[in-house]
C-alpha atoms as a PDB file:
ATOM      1  CA  UNK A   1      -0.513  35.808 -24.509  1.00  0.00           C
ATOM      2  CA  UNK A   2       2.664  33.863 -25.198  1.00  0.00           C
ATOM      3  CA  UNK A   3       4.704  33.129 -22.103  1.00  0.00           C
ATOM      4  CA  UNK A   4       8.243  34.478 -21.981  1.00  0.00           C
ATOM      5  CA  UNK A   5      11.326  32.842 -20.442  1.00  0.00           C
ATOM      6  CA  UNK A   6      11.120  35.417 -17.687  1.00  0.00           C
ATOM      7  CA  UNK A   7       7.520  34.471 -16.943  1.00  0.00           C
ATOM      8  CA  UNK A   8       8.567  30.796 -16.738  1.00  0.00           C
ATOM      9  CA  UNK A   9      11.436  31.577 -14.451  1.00  0.00           C
ATOM     10  CA  UNK A  10       9.130  33.610 -12.188  1.00  0.00           C
ATOM     11  CA  UNK A  11       6.675  30.713 -12.195  1.00  0.00           C
ATOM     12  CA  UNK A  12       9.355  28.304 -11.123  1.00  0.00           C
ATOM     13  CA  UNK A  13      10.522  30.668  -8.342  1.00  0.00           C
ATOM     14  CA  UNK A  14       7.075  31.471  -7.027  1.00  0.00           C
ATOM     15  CA  UNK A  15       5.008  28.386  -7.659  1.00  0.00           C
ATOM     16  CA  UNK A  16       7.433  25.502  -7.853  1.00  0.00           C
ATOM     17  CA  UNK A  17      10.315  26.023  -5.393  1.00  0.00           C
ATOM     18  CA  UNK A  18      12.940  23.477  -4.588  1.00  0.00           C
ATOM     19  CA  UNK A  19      12.076  20.990  -7.233  1.00  0.00           C
ATOM     20  CA  UNK A  20       8.406  20.798  -6.539  1.00  0.00           C
ATOM     21  CA  UNK A  21       7.782  21.677 -10.151  1.00  0.00           C
ATOM     22  CA  UNK A  22       9.399  18.434 -11.257  1.00  0.00           C
ATOM     23  CA  UNK A  23       7.225  16.522  -8.807  1.00  0.00           C
ATOM     24  CA  UNK A  24       4.082  18.230  -9.985  1.00  0.00           C
ATOM     25  CA  UNK A  25       4.737  17.527 -13.643  1.00  0.00           C
ATOM     26  CA  UNK A  26       5.721  13.950 -12.797  1.00  0.00           C
ATOM     27  CA  UNK A  27       2.628  13.214 -10.754  1.00  0.00           C
ATOM     28  CA  UNK A  28       0.253  14.884 -13.180  1.00  0.00           C
ATOM     29  CA  UNK A  29       1.632  13.023 -16.249  1.00  0.00           C
ATOM     30  CA  UNK A  30       1.927   9.750 -14.380  1.00  0.00           C
ATOM     31  CA  UNK A  31      -1.743   9.939 -13.354  1.00  0.00           C
ATOM     32  CA  UNK A  32      -2.857  10.831 -16.894  1.00  0.00           C
ATOM     33  CA  UNK A  33      -0.836   7.909 -18.334  1.00  0.00           C
ATOM     34  CA  UNK A  34      -2.093   5.379 -15.728  1.00  0.00           C
ATOM     35  CA  UNK A  35      -5.672   6.582 -16.240  1.00  0.00           C
ATOM     36  CA  UNK A  36      -5.154   6.058 -19.978  1.00  0.00           C
ATOM     37  CA  UNK A  37      -6.047   9.686 -20.652  1.00  0.00           C
ATOM     38  CA  UNK A  38      -2.643   9.805 -22.415  1.00  0.00           C
ATOM     39  CA  UNK A  39      -2.940   6.834 -24.655  1.00  0.00           C
ATOM     40  CA  UNK A  40      -0.124   4.323 -25.263  1.00  0.00           C
ATOM     41  CA  UNK A  41       2.020   5.595 -28.082  1.00  0.00           C
ATOM     42  CA  UNK A  42       0.892   9.200 -27.762  1.00  0.00           C
ATOM     43  CA  UNK A  43       3.685  11.726 -28.500  1.00  0.00           C
ATOM     44  CA  UNK A  44       4.995  13.863 -25.675  1.00  0.00           C
ATOM     45  CA  UNK A  45       6.174  17.391 -26.640  1.00  0.00           C
ATOM     46  CA  UNK A  46       8.508  19.106 -24.165  1.00  0.00           C
ATOM     47  CA  UNK A  47       7.719  22.523 -25.519  1.00  0.00           C
ATOM     48  CA  UNK A  48       3.999  22.063 -25.093  1.00  0.00           C
ATOM     49  CA  UNK A  49       4.548  20.700 -21.597  1.00  0.00           C
ATOM     50  CA  UNK A  50       6.722  23.688 -20.677  1.00  0.00           C
ATOM     51  CA  UNK A  51       3.934  25.979 -21.822  1.00  0.00           C
ATOM     52  CA  UNK A  52       1.279  23.996 -20.037  1.00  0.00           C
ATOM     53  CA  UNK A  53       3.052  23.907 -16.671  1.00  0.00           C
ATOM     54  CA  UNK A  54       4.680  27.352 -16.964  1.00  0.00           C
ATOM     55  CA  UNK A  55       8.118  25.873 -16.544  1.00  0.00           C
ATOM     56  CA  UNK A  56      11.382  25.739 -18.407  1.00  0.00           C
ATOM     57  CA  UNK A  57      12.267  22.531 -20.281  1.00  0.00           C
ATOM     58  CA  UNK A  58      14.804  21.393 -17.634  1.00  0.00           C
ATOM     59  CA  UNK A  59      12.248  20.339 -14.984  1.00  0.00           C
ATOM     60  CA  UNK A  60      10.012  18.872 -17.716  1.00  0.00           C
ATOM     61  CA  UNK A  61      12.901  16.711 -18.846  1.00  0.00           C
ATOM     62  CA  UNK A  62      13.634  15.656 -15.234  1.00  0.00           C
ATOM     63  CA  UNK A  63       9.999  14.566 -14.818  1.00  0.00           C
ATOM     64  CA  UNK A  64      10.135  12.645 -18.078  1.00  0.00           C
ATOM     65  CA  UNK A  65      13.337  10.863 -16.973  1.00  0.00           C
ATOM     66  CA  UNK A  66      11.462   9.653 -13.885  1.00  0.00           C
ATOM     67  CA  UNK A  67       8.551   8.464 -16.020  1.00  0.00           C
ATOM     68  CA  UNK A  68      11.016   6.557 -18.292  1.00  0.00           C
ATOM     69  CA  UNK A  69      12.323   4.885 -15.105  1.00  0.00           C
ATOM     70  CA  UNK A  70       8.760   3.873 -14.274  1.00  0.00           C
ATOM     71  CA  UNK A  71       8.359   2.297 -17.676  1.00  0.00           C
ATOM     72  CA  UNK A  72       5.542   4.754 -18.531  1.00  0.00           C
ATOM     73  CA  UNK A  73       7.422   6.826 -21.117  1.00  0.00           C
ATOM     74  CA  UNK A  74       9.810   5.752 -23.882  1.00  0.00           C
ATOM     75  CA  UNK A  75      12.477   7.708 -25.732  1.00  0.00           C
ATOM     76  CA  UNK A  76      12.813   6.523 -29.309  1.00  0.00           C
ATOM     77  CA  UNK A  77      16.059   6.269 -31.283  1.00  0.00           C
ATOM     78  CA  UNK A  78      15.181   9.529 -33.037  1.00  0.00           C
ATOM     79  CA  UNK A  79      14.981  11.149 -29.585  1.00  0.00           C
ATOM     80  CA  UNK A  80      11.218  11.580 -29.822  1.00  0.00           C
ATOM     81  CA  UNK A  81       9.356  10.828 -26.558  1.00  0.00           C
ATOM     82  CA  UNK A  82       6.071   8.870 -26.416  1.00  0.00           C
ATOM     83  CA  UNK A  83       3.896   7.252 -23.823  1.00  0.00           C
ATOM     84  CA  UNK A  84       5.111   3.684 -23.459  1.00  0.00           C
ATOM     85  CA  UNK A  85       3.090   1.082 -25.260  1.00  0.00           C
ATOM     86  CA  UNK A  86       1.535  -1.752 -23.314  1.00  0.00           C
ATOM     87  CA  UNK A  87       3.116  -4.974 -24.538  1.00  0.00           C
ATOM     88  CA  UNK A  88      -0.136  -6.696 -25.288  1.00  0.00           C
ATOM     89  CA  UNK A  89       1.434  -9.654 -27.162  1.00  0.00           C
ATOM     90  CA  UNK A  90       3.609 -10.568 -24.143  1.00  0.00           C
ATOM     91  CA  UNK A  91       0.970  -9.843 -21.491  1.00  0.00           C
ATOM     92  CA  UNK A  92       0.850 -13.496 -20.516  1.00  0.00           C
ATOM     93  CA  UNK A  93       4.574 -13.369 -19.721  1.00  0.00           C
ATOM     94  CA  UNK A  94       3.994 -10.360 -17.529  1.00  0.00           C
ATOM     95  CA  UNK A  95       1.221 -12.219 -15.666  1.00  0.00           C
ATOM     96  CA  UNK A  96       3.496 -15.237 -15.168  1.00  0.00           C
ATOM     97  CA  UNK A  97       6.242 -13.022 -13.699  1.00  0.00           C
ATOM     98  CA  UNK A  98       3.798 -11.102 -11.500  1.00  0.00           C
ATOM     99  CA  UNK A  99       2.234 -14.282 -10.152  1.00  0.00           C
ATOM    100  CA  UNK A 100       5.650 -15.740  -9.324  1.00  0.00           C
ATOM    101  CA  UNK A 101       6.638 -12.525  -7.470  1.00  0.00           C
ATOM    102  CA  UNK A 102       3.362 -12.547  -5.552  1.00  0.00           C
ATOM    103  CA  UNK A 103       4.109 -16.044  -4.395  1.00  0.00           C
ATOM    104  CA  UNK A 104       7.881 -15.873  -3.656  1.00  0.00           C
ATOM    105  CA  UNK A 105       7.753 -12.506  -1.837  1.00  0.00           C
ATOM    106  CA  UNK A 106       4.833 -13.613   0.354  1.00  0.00           C
ATOM    107  CA  UNK A 107       6.477 -16.930   1.165  1.00  0.00           C
ATOM    108  CA  UNK A 108       9.704 -15.136   2.141  1.00  0.00           C
ATOM    109  CA  UNK A 109       7.853 -12.558   4.224  1.00  0.00           C
ATOM    110  CA  UNK A 110       6.213 -15.367   6.184  1.00  0.00           C
ATOM    111  CA  UNK A 111       9.591 -16.964   6.796  1.00  0.00           C
ATOM    112  CA  UNK A 112      11.774 -13.896   7.361  1.00  0.00           C
ATOM    113  CA  UNK A 113       9.734 -10.916   8.561  1.00  0.00           C
ATOM    114  CA  UNK A 114      11.242  -8.982  11.461  1.00  0.00           C
ATOM    115  CA  UNK A 115      10.473  -6.208  13.839  1.00  0.00           C
ATOM    116  CA  UNK A 116       8.463  -3.453  12.261  1.00  0.00           C
ATOM    117  CA  UNK A 117       7.577  -5.315   9.046  1.00  0.00           C
ATOM    118  CA  UNK A 118       4.088  -6.377  10.082  1.00  0.00           C
ATOM    119  CA  UNK A 119       3.285  -2.836  11.163  1.00  0.00           C
ATOM    120  CA  UNK A 120       4.414  -1.434   7.819  1.00  0.00           C
ATOM    121  CA  UNK A 121       2.420  -4.014   5.854  1.00  0.00           C
ATOM    122  CA  UNK A 122      -0.719  -3.331   8.020  1.00  0.00           C
ATOM    123  CA  UNK A 123      -0.335   0.434   7.599  1.00  0.00           C
ATOM    124  CA  UNK A 124      -0.362   0.098   3.812  1.00  0.00           C
ATOM    125  CA  UNK A 125      -3.256  -2.331   3.953  1.00  0.00           C
ATOM    126  CA  UNK A 126      -5.325   0.144   6.027  1.00  0.00           C
ATOM    127  CA  UNK A 127      -4.563   2.840   3.425  1.00  0.00           C
ATOM    128  CA  UNK A 128      -5.612   0.470   0.696  1.00  0.00           C
ATOM    129  CA  UNK A 129      -8.932  -0.320   2.481  1.00  0.00           C
ATOM    130  CA  UNK A 130      -9.630   3.365   2.797  1.00  0.00           C
ATOM    131  CA  UNK A 131      -8.943   3.912  -0.893  1.00  0.00           C
ATOM    132  CA  UNK A 132     -11.356   1.058  -1.767  1.00  0.00           C
ATOM    133  CA  UNK A 133     -14.015   2.527   0.447  1.00  0.00           C
ATOM    134  CA  UNK A 134     -13.560   5.909  -1.275  1.00  0.00           C
ATOM    135  CA  UNK A 135     -13.534   4.259  -4.730  1.00  0.00           C
ATOM    136  CA  UNK A 136     -10.336   6.228  -5.399  1.00  0.00           C
ATOM    137  CA  UNK A 137      -8.693   4.169  -8.172  1.00  0.00           C
ATOM    138  CA  UNK A 138      -5.438   6.095  -8.267  1.00  0.00           C
ATOM    139  CA  UNK A 139      -5.031   5.716  -4.515  1.00  0.00           C
ATOM    140  CA  UNK A 140      -5.958   1.971  -4.784  1.00  0.00           C
ATOM    141  CA  UNK A 141      -3.181   1.497  -7.306  1.00  0.00           C
ATOM    142  CA  UNK A 142      -0.542   3.293  -5.227  1.00  0.00           C
ATOM    143  CA  UNK A 143      -1.505   1.726  -1.870  1.00  0.00           C
ATOM    144  CA  UNK A 144      -1.698  -1.755  -3.417  1.00  0.00           C
ATOM    145  CA  UNK A 145       1.772  -1.259  -4.826  1.00  0.00           C
ATOM    146  CA  UNK A 146       3.065  -0.128  -1.357  1.00  0.00           C
ATOM    147  CA  UNK A 147       1.379  -3.061   0.360  1.00  0.00           C
ATOM    148  CA  UNK A 148       2.985  -5.693  -1.843  1.00  0.00           C
ATOM    149  CA  UNK A 149       6.338  -3.891  -1.879  1.00  0.00           C
ATOM    150  CA  UNK A 150       6.276  -3.890   1.933  1.00  0.00           C
ATOM    151  CA  UNK A 151       5.713  -7.627   1.833  1.00  0.00           C
ATOM    152  CA  UNK A 152       8.687  -8.011  -0.481  1.00  0.00           C
ATOM    153  CA  UNK A 153      10.861  -5.906   1.838  1.00  0.00           C
ATOM    154  CA  UNK A 154       9.892  -8.198   4.720  1.00  0.00           C
ATOM    155  CA  UNK A 155      11.192 -11.141   2.707  1.00  0.00           C
ATOM    156  CA  UNK A 156      14.758  -9.711   2.857  1.00  0.00           C
ATOM    157  CA  UNK A 157      15.804 -10.409  -0.757  1.00  0.00           C
ATOM    158  CA  UNK A 158      16.768  -7.146  -2.454  1.00  0.00           C
ATOM    159  CA  UNK A 159      16.694  -8.740  -5.960  1.00  0.00           C
ATOM    160  CA  UNK A 160      13.076  -9.792  -5.516  1.00  0.00           C
ATOM    161  CA  UNK A 161      12.250  -6.348  -4.096  1.00  0.00           C
ATOM    162  CA  UNK A 162      13.636  -4.614  -7.122  1.00  0.00           C
ATOM    163  CA  UNK A 163      12.062  -7.011  -9.623  1.00  0.00           C
ATOM    164  CA  UNK A 164       8.609  -6.948  -7.980  1.00  0.00           C
ATOM    165  CA  UNK A 165       8.722  -3.123  -7.668  1.00  0.00           C
ATOM    166  CA  UNK A 166       9.433  -2.920 -11.372  1.00  0.00           C
ATOM    167  CA  UNK A 167       6.561  -5.237 -12.224  1.00  0.00           C
ATOM    168  CA  UNK A 168       4.107  -3.395  -9.940  1.00  0.00           C
ATOM    169  CA  UNK A 169       5.091  -0.025 -11.472  1.00  0.00           C
ATOM    170  CA  UNK A 170       4.890  -1.311 -15.037  1.00  0.00           C
ATOM    171  CA  UNK A 171       1.551  -2.924 -14.314  1.00  0.00           C
ATOM    172  CA  UNK A 172      -0.198   0.175 -13.078  1.00  0.00           C
ATOM    173  CA  UNK A 173      -2.168   0.652 -16.297  1.00  0.00           C
ATOM    174  CA  UNK A 174      -3.183  -3.006 -16.265  1.00  0.00           C
ATOM    175  CA  UNK A 175      -4.349  -2.591 -12.653  1.00  0.00           C
ATOM    176  CA  UNK A 176      -6.292   0.502 -13.677  1.00  0.00           C
ATOM    177  CA  UNK A 177      -8.166  -1.750 -16.154  1.00  0.00           C
ATOM    178  CA  UNK A 178      -8.723  -4.264 -13.381  1.00  0.00           C
ATOM    179  CA  UNK A 179     -10.393  -1.657 -11.125  1.00  0.00           C
ATOM    180  CA  UNK A 180     -12.346  -0.290 -14.076  1.00  0.00           C
ATOM    181  CA  UNK A 181     -13.887  -3.739 -14.561  1.00  0.00           C
ATOM    182  CA  UNK A 182     -15.601  -3.185 -11.228  1.00  0.00           C
ATOM    183  CA  UNK A 183     -16.449   0.454 -11.976  1.00  0.00           C
ATOM    184  CA  UNK A 184     -13.910   1.243  -9.269  1.00  0.00           C
ATOM    185  CA  UNK A 185     -16.138  -0.390  -6.651  1.00  0.00           C
ATOM    186  CA  UNK A 186     -13.883  -3.229  -5.637  1.00  0.00           C
ATOM    187  CA  UNK A 187     -15.714  -6.065  -3.813  1.00  0.00           C
ATOM    188  CA  UNK A 188     -14.887  -6.339  -0.104  1.00  0.00           C
ATOM    189  CA  UNK A 189     -13.609  -9.874  -0.539  1.00  0.00           C
ATOM    190  CA  UNK A 190     -10.584  -8.506  -2.386  1.00  0.00           C
ATOM    191  CA  UNK A 191      -9.755  -6.330   0.551  1.00  0.00           C
ATOM    192  CA  UNK A 192     -10.057  -9.406   2.741  1.00  0.00           C
ATOM    193  CA  UNK A 193      -7.564 -11.216   0.551  1.00  0.00           C
ATOM    194  CA  UNK A 194      -4.898  -8.708   1.646  1.00  0.00           C
ATOM    195  CA  UNK A 195      -5.915  -9.153   5.256  1.00  0.00           C
ATOM    196  CA  UNK A 196      -5.604 -12.938   4.894  1.00  0.00           C
ATOM    197  CA  UNK A 197      -2.131 -12.551   3.345  1.00  0.00           C
ATOM    198  CA  UNK A 198      -1.075 -10.461   6.336  1.00  0.00           C
ATOM    199  CA  UNK A 199      -2.416 -13.003   8.807  1.00  0.00           C
ATOM    200  CA  UNK A 200      -0.513 -15.860   7.099  1.00  0.00           C
ATOM    201  CA  UNK A 201       2.693 -13.818   7.100  1.00  0.00           C
ATOM    202  CA  UNK A 202       2.183 -12.938  10.779  1.00  0.00           C
ATOM    203  CA  UNK A 203       1.599 -16.657  11.666  1.00  0.00           C
ATOM    204  CA  UNK A 204       4.804 -17.560   9.691  1.00  0.00           C
ATOM    205  CA  UNK A 205       2.721 -20.087   7.745  1.00  0.00           C
ATOM    206  CA  UNK A 206       4.743 -20.296   4.568  1.00  0.00           C
ATOM    207  CA  UNK A 207       2.582 -22.845   2.810  1.00  0.00           C
ATOM    208  CA  UNK A 208      -0.617 -20.899   3.437  1.00  0.00           C
ATOM    209  CA  UNK A 209       1.061 -17.665   2.427  1.00  0.00           C
ATOM    210  CA  UNK A 210       2.033 -19.247  -0.879  1.00  0.00           C
ATOM    211  CA  UNK A 211      -1.452 -20.639  -1.413  1.00  0.00           C
ATOM    212  CA  UNK A 212      -3.155 -17.358  -0.720  1.00  0.00           C
ATOM    213  CA  UNK A 213      -0.740 -15.373  -2.899  1.00  0.00           C
ATOM    214  CA  UNK A 214      -1.343 -17.771  -5.763  1.00  0.00           C
ATOM    215  CA  UNK A 215      -5.122 -17.411  -5.403  1.00  0.00           C
ATOM    216  CA  UNK A 216      -4.843 -13.604  -5.154  1.00  0.00           C
ATOM    217  CA  UNK A 217      -2.779 -13.402  -8.336  1.00  0.00           C
ATOM    218  CA  UNK A 218      -4.982 -15.859 -10.174  1.00  0.00           C
ATOM    219  CA  UNK A 219      -8.239 -13.862  -9.583  1.00  0.00           C
ATOM    220  CA  UNK A 220      -6.560 -10.638 -10.799  1.00  0.00           C
ATOM    221  CA  UNK A 221      -5.228 -12.287 -13.948  1.00  0.00           C
ATOM    222  CA  UNK A 222      -8.648 -13.939 -14.655  1.00  0.00           C
ATOM    223  CA  UNK A 223     -10.479 -10.691 -14.220  1.00  0.00           C
ATOM    224  CA  UNK A 224      -8.152  -8.747 -16.535  1.00  0.00           C
ATOM    225  CA  UNK A 225      -8.088 -11.413 -19.222  1.00  0.00           C
ATOM    226  CA  UNK A 226     -11.894 -11.630 -19.156  1.00  0.00           C
ATOM    227  CA  UNK A 227     -12.053  -7.817 -19.485  1.00  0.00           C
ATOM    228  CA  UNK A 228      -9.655  -7.759 -22.444  1.00  0.00           C
ATOM    229  CA  UNK A 229     -11.493 -10.574 -24.174  1.00  0.00           C
ATOM    230  CA  UNK A 230     -14.911  -8.992 -23.733  1.00  0.00           C
ATOM    231  CA  UNK A 231     -14.161  -5.368 -24.407  1.00  0.00           C
ATOM    232  CA  UNK A 232     -12.909  -4.506 -27.885  1.00  0.00           C
ATOM    233  CA  UNK A 233     -12.123  -0.945 -26.738  1.00  0.00           C
ATOM    234  CA  UNK A 234      -9.645  -2.291 -24.244  1.00  0.00           C
ATOM    235  CA  UNK A 235      -8.104  -4.469 -26.905  1.00  0.00           C
ATOM    236  CA  UNK A 236      -7.703  -1.437 -29.142  1.00  0.00           C
ATOM    237  CA  UNK A 237      -6.149   0.643 -26.407  1.00  0.00           C
ATOM    238  CA  UNK A 238      -3.701  -2.080 -25.418  1.00  0.00           C
ATOM    239  CA  UNK A 239      -2.669  -2.807 -28.941  1.00  0.00           C
ATOM    240  CA  UNK A 240      -1.772   0.822 -29.763  1.00  0.00           C
END
């Protein structure tokens, strides 16, 4: 049976009060995009989404605006909306920027961290370790992002915080491929790398923090490049 506007309004009032509908749509679509269940370049139809989520188009649009801000959705000049493409040709530039941000934020955190920073970083690391143990890839992605962002915050440079957050958010699909290369069973040594970063920051050892951050970034880049080179399906998905 086709849903009426009244049905949608009732759904919003009963099931999605106070903006929770926007959050539900956002989180669902974000996860589907990051998991590559919604392929790069796939069209997004507001009408179909409104029917799917039993909502009017207003909260759908609000959720899509948030996804645009995350770099996961793109609005084309003709006003069509699609899942953002992964810029395969410039992936090396992304890796260069990501590696630089790993290094500079970790160095600054070692030099500048203050009261509460270490606790925040440790809390996110513990959450990441639990996600790894559970083989929960989506949770690994979000807790990894929060861990590195907490390090950036400890560095006290808001420009680096903003830039690194943008890179981490835009790289979520790339990180999903990284975890997929391990069948979501991340080796314990990569959890230990986070713990070593935290220890260097705590010791205010700037040089060691830089060295560990470089090594951490390098192994991620190597793993992803190896996966892309070896797997033609990944190449196809990224090139769409």
